[in-house]
Amino acid sequence: MIYERYSDGSNHIFCLGLSQYRWVIARRNRGKPQVITSGLRVMVGEPRFSIQEKEMEEGRASQEQSVVQLVLTLRAVRQQDAGVYMCWRRGQKPHPQIFLTVLDPENSEPEQEVASLTGPSTVHYGDSLVLNCTIRPARSTQVSWLRDGNRISLSDPSYGHTFFSSETELTFSIQVASLREDATFSCLLPAAPQSRKDLLVRVPVDSVDALSASPAPDTVQYGQILSLTCSASGHPAQVVWLKDGAILSPSAGRSISQTVVGQGAVQSTVTIQNFDIKDNGQYVCYYGGASRTLLINIEGRLGQLVGLEASPFIQGRPLVFSCRTQYSRDDEEADGLVELSTEQEPHNITRHDLVFSSPSHRHQGTYTCLTHVGQTHITVTMMVLPSLVSPLPPYLEVETGDDLSVSCQATGVPSPQILWLRLDNRGKWSEVSNQKVLFGKAAEPEDSGAYMCTASNSAGKVNATTQVAVVGETFIVIYKVIV
C-alpha cells in the first residue's frame, strides 16, 4: 500500500492486489468499518471518492497478469475522512493499513518525529528481542530500520515487522530473531533523516577471566589453608564449582562464597581449611558457558631435597644432623652417611637424622647428604662452653682506702665476652663494666654491694656472683660559723 499527496490537494492511496480487493475505511469515533469501493466501483454516494486502475510496471505485469493497482483518490479532504484505510479482500486480514490524519487548515501542520526507541539494553547470546519505535504525531508515514548503520531490508527473514496506531502516535516494531553480538539499532523517518533514535544492545559473553590458588598449586602443602579464587564476567549468574567432575558444595572445613566486584563481574572463592590427600584433584570454575580448570596434586610432585642442618656442635653434647627430603618414596632414602633414624614430618617431608652422642674435635669438618634428588653440604666446628679460670670469692671485705680489685677470667671456644653487673636498690641487675678486672682503685663505702660476672659465647654462658663490703671509720666534720 502506498500513500501519495499531490499538489492539487488530492490524496491518492495505491493498493497492489487482485481486482476483487475492496477499499474500507474505519473512521475515528465510528463503530463499523465502511466499504468505499468494491473492485472498480465506488460503493458510497460521495463524488469526492474515485477509483481507478493504474498500469503495472513493465515486466512485472507479464509475470502477474491478474494483479492491478487500485488507486483510491480523495478530493477536498474533510475532517470526517480521517481514519484507517485498508485494502481488503473477503476472508483475509486487512493488511497493510494507512492511518490518515486530517489537520485543521487554520493550524500549521506539526512536524513529525521519532519520539522514542525502546527495547532491552542487554540480551543473552542468541536470544531474540523486540524494539519499538514511536512516531508523533500519528500521521501516515514509513520508517527505516538500521543495524550498525546498514539498512534492514523488509524482506530479510531474520526480522519481522509490525505496526500499531493510536490517535496520538504510531508504533513500528521490529522483531530480531537472534542476536549474537553487540549491535546499534536505529529508527529514522526517511522524510526527515535528522529525526532518528539509536539504541545499543549488548550481548555480554560469559567468560572466566582467571582461576588461581593461594598458595600456588605447586607449593601448597598438606595441613595448610588453600583458597581457590575464580573471577568471571558476563550475564549475572552463579558460579558452579566442580571437583573431578562432581559439583563441589560447602561442607565441614570447606566454604564457598561469591561477591559482585563490578558491573557484570563476580568473584567466587573456595576455602579449604586443612588441605588433605582427599582434596587432591582437578577443580573447575564454571560460569554460564565458560570454564577454567586447575589441577592440584601433591602426590604427583617430583621429590626434592629441602635442606641439611645441624644442631649446635658443643663439647659434651650430642651432635645431630638432619637432612630433609620432600615427596620422596620409601625407596628414595638419603645415603652416604650412617643413618640412625628416619621420621615423617608434615607436608610430605621426610627427616633423615645422623646422631653422634659424644662428639669430639675429630668430628669437626664438612658433612654431605646425598639423595636421589640432589645433595647438600654443611660445615661444623666444635664449640666449648665458657668456664671460669678461678671462682669468685663469695664475700670480699676491704678497709676504706685499701686497694679494691676483683678479677673474672674465663676460657671457651670461641673466646668468651666478660660483663660485670651490679644489683641496684630495685633488685635489678645493671651493667657496670665489660672489663675482666672490676674496680682497680682505692675502696670507698659506696662500692659495697652484690656483683655478678657473666662470661658468654655462642655456645652458652656462665655466671658467678660476689658480695663486696667496704668497712672502716667514717669521719663527719661539722663547721660552726659565728657571726
Protein backbone atom coordinates (compact mmCIF):
# COMPACT_ATOMS: atom_id res chain seq x y z
CA MET A 1 0.00 0.00 0.00
CA ILE A 2 1.33 3.44 -0.96
CA TYR A 3 0.12 6.90 0.05
CA GLU A 4 0.79 9.99 -2.11
CA ARG A 5 -0.35 13.56 -1.85
CA TYR A 6 -0.41 15.75 -4.99
CA SER A 7 -0.08 19.47 -5.46
CA ASP A 8 -3.76 19.84 -6.38
CA GLY A 9 -4.68 18.87 -2.83
CA SER A 10 -5.91 15.42 -3.73
CA ASN A 11 -4.78 12.36 -1.86
CA HIS A 12 -4.04 9.08 -3.64
CA ILE A 13 -3.79 5.68 -1.99
CA PHE A 14 -2.43 2.77 -4.07
CA CYS A 15 -3.31 -0.82 -3.33
CA LEU A 16 -1.39 -3.55 -5.13
CA GLY A 17 -3.68 -6.61 -5.35
CA LEU A 18 -6.33 -8.52 -7.21
CA SER A 19 -9.32 -6.78 -8.68
CA GLN A 20 -11.52 -8.45 -6.05
CA TYR A 21 -9.99 -6.25 -3.34
CA ARG A 22 -12.09 -3.56 -1.63
CA TRP A 23 -11.25 -0.25 -0.06
CA VAL A 24 -12.52 0.00 3.52
CA ILE A 25 -12.30 2.89 5.99
CA ALA A 26 -12.53 2.73 9.76
CA ARG A 27 -13.24 6.33 10.77
CA ARG A 28 -12.34 7.72 14.15
CA ASN A 29 -15.01 7.51 16.80
CA ARG A 30 -17.16 5.39 14.49
CA GLY A 31 -18.28 1.86 15.01
CA LYS A 32 -18.43 -0.43 11.99
CA PRO A 33 -15.88 0.00 9.13
CA GLN A 34 -17.37 1.29 5.86
CA VAL A 35 -16.75 -0.24 2.41
CA ILE A 36 -15.79 2.54 -0.03
CA THR A 37 -15.12 0.59 -3.20
CA SER A 38 -15.52 -2.93 -4.50
CA GLY A 39 -13.26 -3.63 -7.42
CA LEU A 40 -13.62 -0.53 -9.63
CA ARG A 41 -16.97 0.55 -8.22
CA VAL A 42 -17.44 3.31 -5.63
CA MET A 43 -19.90 1.99 -3.04
CA VAL A 44 -20.67 5.32 -1.34
CA GLY A 45 -22.64 8.25 -2.70
CA GLU A 46 -19.70 10.60 -2.35
CA PRO A 47 -18.32 12.24 -5.53
CA ARG A 48 -15.06 13.15 -3.74
CA PHE A 49 -14.02 9.47 -3.88
CA SER A 50 -12.93 7.83 -7.11
CA ILE A 51 -11.30 4.52 -8.02
CA GLN A 52 -9.20 3.59 -10.99
CA GLU A 53 -6.64 1.09 -12.20
CA LYS A 54 -3.02 2.03 -12.65
CA GLU A 55 -0.84 0.18 -15.12
CA MET A 56 1.78 -2.16 -13.69
CA GLU A 57 5.47 -1.72 -14.30
CA GLU A 58 6.67 -3.43 -17.48
CA GLY A 59 7.99 -6.90 -16.76
CA ARG A 60 6.06 -7.33 -13.52
CA ALA A 61 2.69 -7.23 -15.33
CA SER A 62 3.77 -10.05 -17.64
CA GLN A 63 4.53 -12.25 -14.66
CA GLU A 64 1.41 -11.38 -12.64
CA GLN A 65 -1.38 -10.82 -15.20
CA SER A 66 -4.12 -10.82 -12.53
CA VAL A 67 -2.50 -8.14 -10.39
CA VAL A 68 -3.51 -4.48 -10.72
CA GLN A 69 -3.04 -1.27 -8.75
CA LEU A 70 -6.33 0.07 -7.41
CA VAL A 71 -5.89 3.82 -6.88
CA LEU A 72 -8.32 5.44 -4.45
CA THR A 73 -8.46 9.23 -4.85
CA LEU A 74 -9.82 11.58 -2.16
CA ARG A 75 -10.58 15.15 -3.17
CA ALA A 76 -11.44 18.07 -0.94
CA VAL A 77 -10.44 16.11 2.14
CA ARG A 78 -12.53 16.81 5.23
CA GLN A 79 -12.17 16.08 8.92
CA GLN A 80 -14.53 13.06 8.73
CA ASP A 81 -12.17 11.42 6.20
CA ALA A 82 -9.63 10.80 8.96
CA GLY A 83 -9.22 7.15 9.88
CA VAL A 84 -7.57 3.89 8.92
CA TYR A 85 -7.76 2.95 5.21
CA MET A 86 -7.47 -0.71 4.41
CA CYS A 87 -7.17 -2.64 1.14
CA TRP A 88 -9.19 -5.74 1.94
CA ARG A 89 -10.32 -8.97 0.36
CA ARG A 90 -13.03 -11.16 1.85
CA GLY A 91 -11.65 -13.93 4.01
CA GLN A 92 -8.28 -12.24 4.53
CA LYS A 93 -6.87 -9.90 7.13
CA PRO A 94 -6.97 -6.23 6.03
CA HIS A 95 -3.26 -5.52 5.91
CA PRO A 96 -1.40 -3.31 5.35
CA GLN A 97 -3.14 -0.18 6.61
CA ILE A 98 -2.72 3.56 6.25
CA PHE A 99 -3.63 5.89 9.11
CA LEU A 100 -4.83 9.21 7.66
CA THR A 101 -4.87 12.31 9.82
CA VAL A 102 -6.69 15.44 8.61
CA LEU A 103 -5.27 18.63 10.07
CA ASP A 104 -7.17 21.77 10.87
CA PRO A 105 -6.43 24.18 7.98
CA GLU A 106 -6.17 27.07 10.42
CA ASN A 107 -3.29 25.38 12.24
CA SER A 108 0.15 24.72 10.83
CA GLU A 109 0.97 21.07 10.25
CA PRO A 110 3.09 19.75 13.19
CA GLU A 111 6.45 18.26 12.30
CA GLN A 112 6.58 14.52 12.63
CA GLU A 113 9.48 12.98 14.60
CA VAL A 114 10.82 9.81 16.14
CA ALA A 115 9.74 10.25 19.74
CA SER A 116 11.43 7.17 21.24
CA LEU A 117 13.14 3.88 20.55
CA THR A 118 12.73 1.32 23.32
CA GLY A 119 13.88 -2.23 23.91
CA PRO A 120 16.30 -4.28 26.06
CA SER A 121 19.81 -2.93 26.51
CA THR A 122 21.30 -6.41 27.05
CA VAL A 123 20.27 -9.88 25.90
CA HIS A 124 21.72 -13.36 26.23
CA TYR A 125 23.76 -14.74 23.38
CA GLY A 126 21.42 -15.95 20.61
CA ASP A 127 18.25 -14.56 22.20
CA SER A 128 15.52 -12.76 20.25
CA LEU A 129 14.35 -9.23 21.03
CA VAL A 130 11.70 -6.67 20.07
CA LEU A 131 12.35 -2.95 19.53
CA ASN A 132 9.57 -0.36 19.45
CA CYS A 133 9.87 2.93 17.54
CA THR A 134 7.28 5.59 18.45
CA ILE A 135 6.36 8.33 15.90
CA ARG A 136 4.45 11.51 16.79
CA PRO A 137 2.04 12.88 15.69
CA ALA A 138 0.00 9.98 14.33
CA ARG A 139 0.22 10.71 10.61
CA SER A 140 0.69 8.22 7.80
CA THR A 141 4.37 7.53 7.23
CA GLN A 142 7.01 4.84 6.94
CA VAL A 143 10.18 4.28 8.97
CA SER A 144 13.52 2.76 8.11
CA TRP A 145 15.42 0.41 10.40
CA LEU A 146 19.22 0.33 10.52
CA ARG A 147 21.63 -2.05 12.19
CA ASP A 148 25.11 -0.63 12.76
CA GLY A 149 24.35 1.95 10.07
CA ASN A 150 23.17 -0.57 7.45
CA ARG A 151 19.55 -0.56 6.31
CA ILE A 152 17.47 -3.62 7.23
CA SER A 153 15.50 -4.95 4.28
CA LEU A 154 11.79 -5.64 4.75
CA SER A 155 12.31 -8.98 3.01
CA ASP A 156 15.08 -10.13 5.37
CA PRO A 157 13.73 -13.30 7.08
CA SER A 158 15.79 -12.59 10.19
CA TYR A 159 13.49 -9.68 11.06
CA GLY A 160 9.76 -9.29 11.50
CA HIS A 161 7.81 -6.02 11.29
CA THR A 162 4.55 -4.96 12.93
CA PHE A 163 2.63 -1.70 13.17
CA PHE A 164 0.25 -0.25 15.78
CA SER A 165 -1.55 3.09 15.82
CA SER A 166 -3.48 5.33 18.20
CA GLU A 167 -4.94 8.81 17.93
CA THR A 168 -1.70 10.42 19.08
CA GLU A 169 1.16 8.18 17.91
CA LEU A 170 2.32 5.38 15.66
CA THR A 171 4.40 2.43 16.87
CA PHE A 172 6.62 0.49 14.47
CA SER A 173 8.06 -2.71 15.93
CA ILE A 174 10.87 -4.90 14.68
CA GLN A 175 11.49 -8.43 15.91
CA VAL A 176 15.09 -9.65 15.78
CA ALA A 177 15.16 -13.44 15.56
CA SER A 178 18.60 -13.90 17.14
CA LEU A 179 21.37 -11.57 18.35
CA ARG A 180 24.88 -12.92 18.83
CA GLU A 181 26.95 -9.75 19.15
CA ASP A 182 26.64 -6.12 20.23
CA ALA A 183 24.64 -4.03 17.77
CA THR A 184 23.29 -0.49 17.44
CA PHE A 185 19.75 -0.31 16.04
CA SER A 186 18.35 2.91 14.57
CA CYS A 187 14.83 4.03 13.69
CA LEU A 188 14.52 7.01 11.33
CA LEU A 189 11.99 8.80 9.18
CA PRO A 190 13.08 8.81 5.52
CA ALA A 191 11.25 12.12 5.05
CA ALA A 192 13.20 13.64 7.94
CA PRO A 193 16.52 11.77 8.29
CA GLN A 194 17.60 14.07 11.07
CA SER A 195 14.81 12.61 13.22
CA ARG A 196 16.19 9.29 14.44
CA LYS A 197 16.79 7.35 17.61
CA ASP A 198 19.57 4.86 18.30
CA LEU A 199 19.71 2.01 20.81
CA LEU A 200 22.80 -0.01 21.66
CA VAL A 201 22.01 -3.62 22.56
CA ARG A 202 24.85 -5.51 24.20
CA VAL A 203 25.35 -9.26 24.18
CA PRO A 204 27.63 -9.99 27.14
CA VAL A 205 29.72 -13.09 26.57
CA ASP A 206 30.24 -15.24 29.66
CA SER A 207 33.92 -15.53 30.47
CA VAL A 208 36.05 -16.97 33.26
CA ASP A 209 38.81 -14.39 33.36
CA ALA A 210 41.08 -16.00 35.97
CA LEU A 211 41.35 -19.04 38.24
CA SER A 212 44.10 -19.00 40.85
CA ALA A 213 45.15 -20.75 44.05
CA SER A 214 46.80 -19.42 47.19
CA PRO A 215 49.26 -20.93 47.99
CA ALA A 216 50.12 -21.83 44.41
CA PRO A 217 49.31 -25.38 43.26
CA ASP A 218 52.99 -26.36 43.18
CA THR A 219 53.72 -25.04 46.70
CA VAL A 220 50.61 -25.84 48.77
CA GLN A 221 51.26 -28.39 51.50
CA TYR A 222 49.10 -30.76 53.49
CA GLY A 223 47.56 -29.08 56.53
CA GLN A 224 47.61 -25.61 55.01
CA ILE A 225 44.63 -23.37 54.19
CA LEU A 226 44.02 -23.39 50.42
CA SER A 227 41.97 -20.70 48.68
CA LEU A 228 40.76 -21.09 45.09
CA THR A 229 39.56 -17.82 43.52
CA CYS A 230 37.58 -17.59 40.27
CA SER A 231 36.98 -14.23 38.54
CA ALA A 232 34.22 -14.25 35.92
CA SER A 233 32.15 -11.79 33.89
CA GLY A 234 29.10 -11.80 31.65
CA HIS A 235 25.44 -12.22 32.50
CA PRO A 236 24.62 -12.28 36.21
CA ALA A 237 24.86 -15.93 37.18
CA GLN A 238 26.00 -18.26 39.94
CA VAL A 239 29.50 -19.72 39.74
CA VAL A 240 29.43 -23.51 39.83
CA TRP A 241 32.47 -25.36 41.19
CA LEU A 242 33.34 -28.92 40.15
CA LYS A 243 35.97 -31.31 41.50
CA ASP A 244 36.83 -34.33 39.39
CA GLY A 245 33.54 -33.86 37.51
CA ALA A 246 31.28 -33.64 40.58
CA ILE A 247 29.62 -30.48 41.90
CA LEU A 248 31.53 -29.04 44.85
CA SER A 249 29.36 -27.94 47.79
CA PRO A 250 30.13 -26.31 51.16
CA SER A 251 30.96 -28.77 53.93
CA ALA A 252 32.82 -29.03 57.22
CA GLY A 253 36.20 -27.41 56.64
CA ARG A 254 35.22 -26.08 53.20
CA SER A 255 33.35 -22.86 52.39
CA ILE A 256 32.23 -21.28 49.09
CA SER A 257 31.45 -17.58 48.66
CA GLN A 258 30.57 -15.26 45.78
CA THR A 259 30.67 -11.47 45.60
CA VAL A 260 29.87 -8.90 42.91
CA VAL A 261 33.01 -6.89 42.11
CA GLY A 262 31.69 -4.74 39.23
CA GLN A 263 29.07 -4.47 36.54
CA GLY A 264 28.63 -7.96 35.18
CA ALA A 265 31.67 -9.22 37.14
CA VAL A 266 31.77 -11.65 40.06
CA GLN A 267 34.38 -13.37 42.18
CA SER A 268 33.89 -16.75 43.84
CA THR A 269 36.23 -18.33 46.40
CA VAL A 270 36.53 -21.88 47.70
CA THR A 271 38.39 -22.06 51.03
CA ILE A 272 39.69 -25.41 52.31
CA GLN A 273 40.77 -25.07 55.94
CA ASN A 274 43.01 -28.15 56.22
CA PHE A 275 44.23 -29.39 52.85
CA ASP A 276 44.34 -33.18 52.87
CA ILE A 277 45.11 -36.00 50.46
CA LYS A 278 41.40 -36.26 49.60
CA ASP A 279 41.49 -32.66 48.35
CA ASN A 280 43.88 -33.53 45.52
CA GLY A 281 42.16 -33.37 42.13
CA GLN A 282 41.04 -31.23 39.20
CA TYR A 283 38.98 -28.16 40.09
CA VAL A 284 36.72 -26.45 37.54
CA CYS A 285 35.15 -22.99 37.80
CA TYR A 286 32.06 -22.93 35.56
CA TYR A 287 30.24 -19.66 34.75
CA GLY A 288 27.50 -19.65 32.15
CA GLY A 289 29.05 -21.19 29.07
CA ALA A 290 32.68 -20.62 30.12
CA SER A 291 35.03 -22.53 32.41
CA ARG A 292 38.62 -22.89 33.59
CA THR A 293 40.39 -25.79 35.27
CA LEU A 294 43.14 -26.08 37.87
CA LEU A 295 44.94 -29.29 38.85
CA ILE A 296 46.23 -29.69 42.39
CA ASN A 297 48.03 -32.98 43.08
CA ILE A 298 50.62 -33.00 45.81
CA GLU A 299 51.07 -36.75 45.49
CA GLY A 300 52.23 -36.38 41.89
CA ARG A 301 55.05 -33.96 42.63
CA LEU A 302 58.68 -34.90 42.00
CA GLY A 303 60.88 -35.46 45.01
CA GLN A 304 63.13 -32.64 46.15
CA LEU A 305 65.88 -32.02 48.67
CA VAL A 306 64.70 -29.49 51.25
CA GLY A 307 67.97 -28.93 53.10
CA LEU A 308 70.57 -30.02 55.65
CA GLU A 309 71.02 -28.56 59.11
CA ALA A 310 72.99 -29.43 62.24
CA SER A 311 72.40 -28.86 65.92
CA PRO A 312 74.92 -26.61 67.73
CA PHE A 313 78.20 -28.55 67.97
CA ILE A 314 79.02 -28.08 71.67
CA GLN A 315 81.57 -30.13 73.54
CA GLY A 316 79.88 -32.72 75.74
CA ARG A 317 76.51 -32.57 73.94
CA PRO A 318 75.12 -34.79 71.16
CA LEU A 319 75.65 -33.61 67.57
CA VAL A 320 72.60 -34.16 65.30
CA PHE A 321 72.50 -33.72 61.52
CA SER A 322 69.03 -33.55 59.87
CA CYS A 323 68.69 -33.96 56.10
CA ARG A 324 65.14 -33.35 54.80
CA THR A 325 63.54 -34.51 51.54
CA GLN A 326 60.02 -33.89 50.27
CA TYR A 327 57.76 -36.18 48.19
CA SER A 328 60.43 -38.91 48.27
CA ARG A 329 59.24 -42.52 48.12
CA ASP A 330 60.19 -45.09 50.71
CA ASP A 331 62.96 -46.45 48.49
CA GLU A 332 64.45 -43.00 48.00
CA GLU A 333 66.32 -42.52 51.27
CA ALA A 334 69.35 -40.38 51.95
CA ASP A 335 72.60 -42.23 51.86
CA GLY A 336 76.34 -41.57 52.09
CA LEU A 337 76.23 -41.43 55.92
CA VAL A 338 75.30 -43.87 58.63
CA GLU A 339 71.60 -43.06 59.05
CA LEU A 340 70.32 -43.76 62.53
CA SER A 341 66.69 -42.69 62.19
CA THR A 342 64.03 -41.58 59.71
CA GLU A 343 60.88 -39.67 60.65
CA GLN A 344 57.91 -38.33 58.65
CA GLU A 345 57.04 -34.67 59.19
CA PRO A 346 54.10 -32.56 57.99
CA HIS A 347 53.78 -31.54 54.31
CA ASN A 348 55.17 -34.85 53.00
CA ILE A 349 58.65 -34.17 54.39
CA THR A 350 60.96 -36.99 55.47
CA ARG A 351 63.69 -36.19 58.02
CA HIS A 352 66.85 -38.32 57.95
CA ASP A 353 68.92 -37.91 61.16
CA LEU A 354 72.60 -38.70 61.84
CA VAL A 355 73.47 -38.56 65.57
CA PHE A 356 76.86 -38.51 67.37
CA SER A 357 76.16 -38.90 71.09
CA SER A 358 79.66 -37.91 72.29
CA PRO A 359 81.31 -35.79 69.60
CA SER A 360 84.89 -34.54 69.92
CA HIS A 361 87.33 -32.40 67.92
CA ARG A 362 87.73 -35.17 65.37
CA HIS A 363 84.09 -34.74 64.34
CA GLN A 364 84.71 -31.22 63.07
CA GLY A 365 84.53 -30.78 59.28
CA THR A 366 82.21 -30.79 56.26
CA TYR A 367 79.33 -33.27 56.02
CA THR A 368 77.44 -34.16 52.83
CA CYS A 369 73.90 -35.51 52.49
CA LEU A 370 73.42 -37.47 49.24
CA THR A 371 69.90 -38.22 47.94
CA HIS A 372 68.27 -39.36 44.70
CA VAL A 373 67.06 -35.77 44.21
CA GLY A 374 70.33 -33.95 44.95
CA GLN A 375 72.97 -33.33 47.56
CA THR A 376 73.87 -30.61 50.06
CA HIS A 377 76.74 -29.79 52.44
CA ILE A 378 77.26 -28.29 55.88
CA THR A 379 80.45 -27.48 57.86
CA VAL A 380 80.55 -27.70 61.66
CA THR A 381 83.13 -26.57 64.22
CA MET A 382 83.06 -27.65 67.84
CA MET A 383 82.28 -25.00 70.42
CA VAL A 384 83.25 -25.10 74.12
CA LEU A 385 81.08 -23.63 76.83
CA PRO A 386 82.71 -20.81 78.87
CA SER A 387 84.22 -21.73 82.23
CA LEU A 388 85.85 -19.53 84.87
CA VAL A 389 89.57 -19.93 85.33
CA SER A 390 89.13 -19.39 89.08
CA PRO A 391 85.94 -18.91 91.07
CA LEU A 392 84.96 -15.54 92.52
CA PRO A 393 85.12 -15.14 96.28
CA PRO A 394 81.59 -15.33 97.66
CA TYR A 395 82.37 -12.46 100.09
CA LEU A 396 85.04 -9.78 99.88
CA GLU A 397 85.69 -7.32 102.71
CA VAL A 398 88.17 -4.43 102.42
CA GLU A 399 89.01 -1.36 104.50
CA THR A 400 88.11 2.05 103.26
CA GLY A 401 91.04 3.40 101.24
CA ASP A 402 92.59 -0.01 100.56
CA ASP A 403 93.12 -1.31 97.02
CA LEU A 404 89.96 -2.94 95.67
CA SER A 405 90.27 -5.29 92.67
CA VAL A 406 88.11 -8.27 91.57
CA SER A 407 89.17 -10.36 88.53
CA CYS A 408 86.94 -12.58 86.34
CA GLN A 409 88.84 -14.84 83.91
CA ALA A 410 87.12 -17.39 81.61
CA THR A 411 88.02 -19.82 78.83
CA GLY A 412 85.91 -21.29 75.97
CA VAL A 413 85.55 -21.60 72.17
CA PRO A 414 85.00 -19.05 70.84
CA SER A 415 86.60 -16.76 73.44
CA PRO A 416 84.00 -15.61 75.99
CA GLN A 417 82.96 -11.99 76.49
CA ILE A 418 83.11 -10.67 80.11
CA LEU A 419 80.38 -8.46 81.59
CA TRP A 420 80.06 -7.14 85.17
CA LEU A 421 76.64 -6.35 86.63
CA ARG A 422 75.56 -4.79 89.96
CA LEU A 423 72.34 -5.34 91.89
CA ASP A 424 70.62 -1.98 92.44
CA ASN A 425 68.17 -0.87 95.14
CA ARG A 426 65.21 -2.02 92.98
CA GLY A 427 66.55 -5.59 92.86
CA LYS A 428 67.61 -5.39 89.20
CA TRP A 429 71.00 -6.14 87.69
CA SER A 430 72.56 -3.30 85.70
CA GLU A 431 75.78 -3.25 83.67
CA VAL A 432 78.76 -1.55 85.26
CA SER A 433 81.78 -2.82 83.25
CA ASN A 434 82.89 -5.07 80.40
CA GLN A 435 86.45 -5.43 81.65
CA LYS A 436 87.92 -8.53 83.23
CA VAL A 437 89.07 -6.62 86.34
CA LEU A 438 86.47 -4.73 88.39
CA PHE A 439 87.42 -1.60 90.35
CA GLY A 440 91.24 -1.50 90.48
CA LYS A 441 91.20 1.58 92.80
CA ALA A 442 91.01 2.63 96.48
CA ALA A 443 87.90 1.24 98.11
CA GLU A 444 85.10 3.60 99.07
CA PRO A 445 81.96 2.87 101.15
CA GLU A 446 79.66 3.32 98.12
CA ASP A 447 81.45 0.39 96.40
CA SER A 448 79.72 -2.04 98.72
CA GLY A 449 77.12 -4.28 97.08
CA ALA A 450 76.40 -7.51 95.14
CA TYR A 451 78.22 -8.03 91.83
CA MET A 452 77.88 -10.64 89.05
CA CYS A 453 80.39 -11.69 86.40
CA THR A 454 78.95 -13.19 83.16
CA ALA A 455 81.17 -14.97 80.63
CA SER A 456 79.36 -15.84 77.34
CA ASN A 457 79.99 -17.07 73.80
CA SER A 458 77.86 -18.68 71.05
CA ALA A 459 77.88 -21.98 72.96
CA GLY A 460 76.38 -20.51 76.15
CA LYS A 461 77.30 -18.55 79.23
CA VAL A 462 78.38 -18.94 82.89
CA ASN A 463 77.68 -16.63 85.85
CA ALA A 464 79.37 -16.03 89.21
CA THR A 465 78.49 -13.59 92.00
CA THR A 466 80.35 -11.93 94.87
CA GLN A 467 79.43 -9.62 97.75
CA VAL A 468 81.77 -6.64 98.33
CA ALA A 469 81.80 -4.88 101.71
CA VAL A 470 83.89 -1.76 102.31
CA VAL A 471 84.37 -1.21 106.06
CA GLY A 472 86.20 1.35 108.19
CA GLU A 473 85.67 4.56 110.27
CA THR A 474 83.91 7.40 108.61
CA PHE A 475 84.52 10.89 109.96
CA ILE A 476 81.96 13.66 109.75
CA VAL A 477 83.31 17.21 110.30
CA ILE A 478 80.84 19.93 111.32
CA TYR A 479 81.84 23.58 110.90
CA LYS A 480 80.19 26.29 113.01
CA VAL A 481 80.30 29.81 111.77
CA ILE A 482 79.86 32.58 114.39
CA VAL A 483 78.71 35.96 113.09
